[in-house]
């Protein structure tokens, strides 16, 4: 799983770490330090942690004027055990 990277063709249009309205504003990424895991499998360090134990996210694009965002997930969505929807809601409302 560590070789699966977020889709990068959007980077010329949008970078969440540079967006002041993004919950991941100011995030600095490492290309060499693998710390995040999904079920003990290391994942690429470009994925963003939003509180879930089994799911990571990447905001690929956001258009505030039109009111939409394109996001990508890696891992397992599991509301029964980890209540992932609440982690996502919490992270999106804390911007």
N, C-alpha and C. Protein backbone atom coordinates (compact mmCIF):
# COMPACT_ATOMS: atom_id res chain seq x y z
N UNK A 1 0.81 -1.20 0.00
CA UNK A 1 0.00 0.00 0.00
C UNK A 1 0.85 1.26 0.00
N UNK A 2 2.10 1.14 0.43
CA UNK A 2 2.92 2.34 0.55
C UNK A 2 3.24 2.98 -0.79
N UNK A 3 3.03 2.27 -1.88
CA UNK A 3 3.29 2.84 -3.20
C UNK A 3 2.08 3.54 -3.79
N UNK A 4 0.90 3.39 -3.19
CA UNK A 4 -0.31 4.03 -3.71
C UNK A 4 -0.32 5.49 -3.26
N UNK A 5 -0.16 6.38 -4.22
CA UNK A 5 -0.13 7.80 -3.94
C UNK A 5 -1.45 8.44 -4.32
N UNK A 6 -1.78 9.58 -3.71
CA UNK A 6 -2.96 10.32 -4.16
C UNK A 6 -2.79 10.76 -5.62
N UNK A 7 -3.87 10.96 -6.32
CA UNK A 7 -3.85 11.37 -7.72
C UNK A 7 -3.30 12.80 -7.81
N UNK A 8 -2.22 12.99 -8.57
CA UNK A 8 -1.51 14.27 -8.56
C UNK A 8 -1.78 15.19 -9.74
N UNK A 9 -2.60 14.81 -10.68
CA UNK A 9 -2.83 15.68 -11.83
C UNK A 9 -3.61 16.94 -11.49
N UNK A 10 -4.14 17.04 -10.29
CA UNK A 10 -4.85 18.26 -9.86
C UNK A 10 -3.90 19.28 -9.26
N UNK A 11 -2.67 18.91 -8.95
CA UNK A 11 -1.77 19.79 -8.21
C UNK A 11 -1.50 21.13 -8.88
N UNK A 12 -1.60 21.19 -10.18
CA UNK A 12 -1.39 22.49 -10.84
C UNK A 12 -2.58 23.43 -10.63
N UNK A 13 -3.73 22.87 -10.24
CA UNK A 13 -4.92 23.68 -10.00
C UNK A 13 -5.19 23.96 -8.52
N UNK A 14 -4.79 23.02 -7.66
CA UNK A 14 -5.15 23.15 -6.24
C UNK A 14 -4.21 22.32 -5.38
N UNK A 15 -3.80 22.91 -4.25
CA UNK A 15 -3.00 22.21 -3.24
C UNK A 15 -3.62 22.54 -1.89
N UNK A 16 -4.14 21.53 -1.21
CA UNK A 16 -4.85 21.74 0.07
C UNK A 16 -3.95 22.39 1.12
N UNK A 17 -2.67 22.07 1.13
CA UNK A 17 -1.75 22.64 2.13
C UNK A 17 -1.56 24.14 1.93
N UNK A 18 -1.82 24.64 0.72
CA UNK A 18 -1.69 26.07 0.43
C UNK A 18 -3.00 26.84 0.58
N UNK A 19 -4.11 26.15 0.75
CA UNK A 19 -5.43 26.76 0.84
C UNK A 19 -5.74 27.12 2.29
N UNK A 20 -5.91 28.40 2.58
CA UNK A 20 -6.17 28.83 3.94
C UNK A 20 -7.49 28.31 4.50
N UNK A 21 -8.42 27.94 3.64
CA UNK A 21 -9.71 27.41 4.09
C UNK A 21 -9.70 25.89 4.27
N UNK A 22 -8.63 25.24 3.85
CA UNK A 22 -8.53 23.79 3.94
C UNK A 22 -8.22 23.35 5.38
N UNK A 23 -8.79 22.24 5.82
CA UNK A 23 -8.42 21.74 7.15
C UNK A 23 -6.98 21.24 7.21
N UNK A 24 -6.33 21.10 6.06
CA UNK A 24 -4.94 20.64 6.01
C UNK A 24 -3.98 21.77 5.63
N UNK A 25 -4.43 23.02 5.80
CA UNK A 25 -3.59 24.18 5.48
C UNK A 25 -2.31 24.14 6.31
N UNK A 26 -1.19 24.34 5.65
CA UNK A 26 0.10 24.39 6.33
C UNK A 26 0.74 23.03 6.59
N UNK A 27 0.10 21.97 6.14
CA UNK A 27 0.66 20.63 6.33
C UNK A 27 1.94 20.48 5.52
N UNK A 28 2.97 19.97 6.16
CA UNK A 28 4.22 19.69 5.46
C UNK A 28 4.35 18.18 5.34
N UNK A 29 4.66 17.73 4.13
CA UNK A 29 4.71 16.30 3.85
C UNK A 29 6.16 15.84 3.68
N UNK A 30 6.38 14.60 4.04
CA UNK A 30 7.68 13.97 3.84
C UNK A 30 7.53 12.92 2.75
N UNK A 31 8.52 12.82 1.90
CA UNK A 31 8.52 11.77 0.88
C UNK A 31 9.23 10.51 1.37
N UNK A 32 9.88 10.62 2.50
CA UNK A 32 10.73 9.54 2.96
C UNK A 32 10.28 8.90 4.27
N UNK A 33 9.49 9.59 5.07
CA UNK A 33 9.10 9.11 6.39
C UNK A 33 7.68 8.55 6.35
N UNK A 34 7.57 7.24 6.38
CA UNK A 34 6.29 6.55 6.36
C UNK A 34 5.83 6.30 7.79
N UNK A 35 4.83 7.02 8.25
CA UNK A 35 4.38 6.88 9.64
C UNK A 35 2.93 6.41 9.74
N UNK A 36 2.09 6.74 8.77
CA UNK A 36 0.68 6.39 8.82
C UNK A 36 0.45 4.97 8.31
N UNK A 37 -0.46 4.27 8.98
CA UNK A 37 -0.76 2.89 8.60
C UNK A 37 -2.26 2.66 8.53
N UNK A 38 -2.64 1.70 7.70
CA UNK A 38 -3.99 1.15 7.66
C UNK A 38 -3.84 -0.35 7.88
N UNK A 39 -4.35 -0.82 9.02
CA UNK A 39 -4.21 -2.24 9.38
C UNK A 39 -2.76 -2.72 9.29
N UNK A 40 -1.85 -1.97 9.88
CA UNK A 40 -0.42 -2.30 9.95
C UNK A 40 0.30 -2.27 8.60
N UNK A 41 -0.32 -1.75 7.57
CA UNK A 41 0.34 -1.55 6.28
C UNK A 41 0.64 -0.06 6.14
N UNK A 42 1.90 0.26 5.94
CA UNK A 42 2.27 1.67 5.77
C UNK A 42 1.70 2.21 4.47
N UNK A 43 1.25 3.47 4.53
CA UNK A 43 0.72 4.13 3.33
C UNK A 43 1.62 5.30 2.98
N UNK A 44 1.53 5.75 1.75
CA UNK A 44 2.35 6.86 1.26
C UNK A 44 2.14 8.10 2.15
N UNK A 45 3.20 8.84 2.47
CA UNK A 45 3.08 9.97 3.40
C UNK A 45 2.29 11.17 2.87
N UNK A 46 1.87 11.16 1.62
CA UNK A 46 1.10 12.28 1.09
C UNK A 46 -0.39 12.22 1.48
N UNK A 47 -0.85 11.09 2.02
CA UNK A 47 -2.24 10.99 2.46
C UNK A 47 -2.41 11.75 3.76
N UNK A 48 -3.57 12.37 3.95
CA UNK A 48 -3.85 13.18 5.14
C UNK A 48 -4.66 12.41 6.16
N UNK A 49 -4.23 12.52 7.42
CA UNK A 49 -4.93 11.88 8.53
C UNK A 49 -6.01 12.84 9.03
N UNK A 50 -7.23 12.35 9.16
CA UNK A 50 -8.31 13.21 9.67
C UNK A 50 -8.96 12.67 10.94
N UNK A 51 -8.32 11.69 11.57
CA UNK A 51 -8.81 11.18 12.83
C UNK A 51 -9.20 9.72 12.82
N UNK A 52 -9.48 9.16 11.66
CA UNK A 52 -9.89 7.77 11.56
C UNK A 52 -8.68 6.84 11.69
N UNK A 53 -8.91 5.65 12.24
CA UNK A 53 -7.84 4.66 12.35
C UNK A 53 -7.62 3.88 11.06
N UNK A 54 -8.63 3.85 10.20
CA UNK A 54 -8.57 2.97 9.03
C UNK A 54 -8.80 3.70 7.71
N UNK A 55 -8.89 5.01 7.71
CA UNK A 55 -9.21 5.75 6.50
C UNK A 55 -8.42 7.05 6.46
N UNK A 56 -7.84 7.34 5.29
CA UNK A 56 -7.09 8.57 5.07
C UNK A 56 -7.68 9.28 3.87
N UNK A 57 -7.38 10.56 3.74
CA UNK A 57 -8.04 11.39 2.73
C UNK A 57 -7.03 12.25 1.99
N UNK A 58 -7.41 12.70 0.81
CA UNK A 58 -6.65 13.72 0.08
C UNK A 58 -7.67 14.62 -0.61
N UNK A 59 -7.62 15.90 -0.35
CA UNK A 59 -8.47 16.85 -1.06
C UNK A 59 -7.75 17.19 -2.35
N UNK A 60 -8.31 16.76 -3.46
CA UNK A 60 -7.67 16.96 -4.75
C UNK A 60 -7.98 18.33 -5.35
N UNK A 61 -9.18 18.82 -5.09
CA UNK A 61 -9.59 20.10 -5.68
C UNK A 61 -10.75 20.66 -4.88
N UNK A 62 -10.81 21.97 -4.73
CA UNK A 62 -11.95 22.64 -4.09
C UNK A 62 -12.28 23.90 -4.87
N UNK A 63 -13.54 24.08 -5.17
CA UNK A 63 -14.03 25.28 -5.85
C UNK A 63 -15.08 25.91 -4.94
N UNK A 64 -14.70 26.95 -4.23
CA UNK A 64 -15.59 27.57 -3.26
C UNK A 64 -16.71 28.35 -3.92
N UNK A 65 -16.47 28.90 -5.09
CA UNK A 65 -17.52 29.65 -5.79
C UNK A 65 -18.64 28.73 -6.25
N UNK A 66 -18.30 27.56 -6.74
CA UNK A 66 -19.30 26.61 -7.21
C UNK A 66 -19.78 25.67 -6.10
N UNK A 67 -19.05 25.64 -5.00
CA UNK A 67 -19.48 24.85 -3.84
C UNK A 67 -19.26 23.36 -3.93
N UNK A 68 -18.09 22.94 -4.45
CA UNK A 68 -17.82 21.50 -4.50
C UNK A 68 -16.34 21.24 -4.28
N UNK A 69 -16.07 19.99 -3.91
CA UNK A 69 -14.69 19.54 -3.74
C UNK A 69 -14.58 18.12 -4.27
N UNK A 70 -13.39 17.77 -4.73
CA UNK A 70 -13.09 16.41 -5.17
C UNK A 70 -12.10 15.84 -4.17
N UNK A 71 -12.50 14.73 -3.53
CA UNK A 71 -11.66 14.12 -2.52
C UNK A 71 -11.42 12.66 -2.86
N UNK A 72 -10.32 12.14 -2.36
CA UNK A 72 -9.95 10.75 -2.59
C UNK A 72 -9.65 10.12 -1.23
N UNK A 73 -10.07 8.87 -1.07
CA UNK A 73 -9.85 8.15 0.18
C UNK A 73 -8.99 6.92 -0.08
N UNK A 74 -8.27 6.48 0.97
CA UNK A 74 -7.60 5.19 0.95
C UNK A 74 -7.85 4.54 2.31
N UNK A 75 -8.14 3.27 2.28
CA UNK A 75 -8.39 2.54 3.52
C UNK A 75 -9.77 1.92 3.52
N UNK A 76 -10.34 1.82 4.71
CA UNK A 76 -11.65 1.21 4.86
C UNK A 76 -12.58 2.14 5.63
N UNK A 77 -13.73 2.43 5.03
CA UNK A 77 -14.76 3.22 5.70
C UNK A 77 -15.47 2.28 6.65
N UNK A 78 -15.48 2.60 7.96
CA UNK A 78 -16.07 1.69 8.92
C UNK A 78 -16.78 2.48 10.01
N UNK A 79 -18.04 2.83 9.75
CA UNK A 79 -18.81 3.56 10.75
C UNK A 79 -19.21 2.67 11.92
N UNK A 80 -19.35 1.37 11.68
CA UNK A 80 -19.78 0.47 12.75
C UNK A 80 -18.76 0.40 13.89
N UNK A 81 -17.48 0.38 13.54
CA UNK A 81 -16.44 0.27 14.57
C UNK A 81 -15.81 1.60 14.95
N UNK A 82 -15.60 2.47 13.97
CA UNK A 82 -14.80 3.68 14.23
C UNK A 82 -15.53 4.99 14.02
N UNK A 83 -16.78 4.97 13.55
CA UNK A 83 -17.57 6.18 13.37
C UNK A 83 -16.86 7.20 12.47
N UNK A 84 -16.37 6.72 11.32
CA UNK A 84 -15.59 7.56 10.41
C UNK A 84 -16.33 8.79 9.92
N UNK A 85 -17.63 8.70 9.75
CA UNK A 85 -18.38 9.87 9.26
C UNK A 85 -18.27 11.04 10.24
N UNK A 86 -18.22 10.74 11.54
CA UNK A 86 -18.09 11.82 12.52
C UNK A 86 -16.69 12.44 12.49
N UNK A 87 -15.66 11.62 12.27
CA UNK A 87 -14.31 12.19 12.12
C UNK A 87 -14.26 13.12 10.91
N UNK A 88 -14.87 12.70 9.81
CA UNK A 88 -14.87 13.52 8.60
C UNK A 88 -15.66 14.81 8.81
N UNK A 89 -16.81 14.70 9.46
CA UNK A 89 -17.63 15.88 9.74
C UNK A 89 -16.90 16.85 10.66
N UNK A 90 -16.26 16.31 11.69
CA UNK A 90 -15.51 17.12 12.64
C UNK A 90 -14.37 17.87 11.95
N UNK A 91 -13.61 17.17 11.12
CA UNK A 91 -12.47 17.78 10.44
C UNK A 91 -12.94 18.86 9.47
N UNK A 92 -14.04 18.64 8.77
CA UNK A 92 -14.51 19.62 7.80
C UNK A 92 -15.10 20.85 8.47
N UNK A 93 -15.62 20.71 9.68
CA UNK A 93 -16.21 21.87 10.36
C UNK A 93 -15.20 22.66 11.17
N UNK A 94 -13.99 22.14 11.34
CA UNK A 94 -12.94 22.83 12.11
C UNK A 94 -12.05 23.70 11.27
N UNK A 95 -12.42 24.02 10.08
CA UNK A 95 -11.54 24.83 9.23
C UNK A 95 -11.62 26.25 9.55
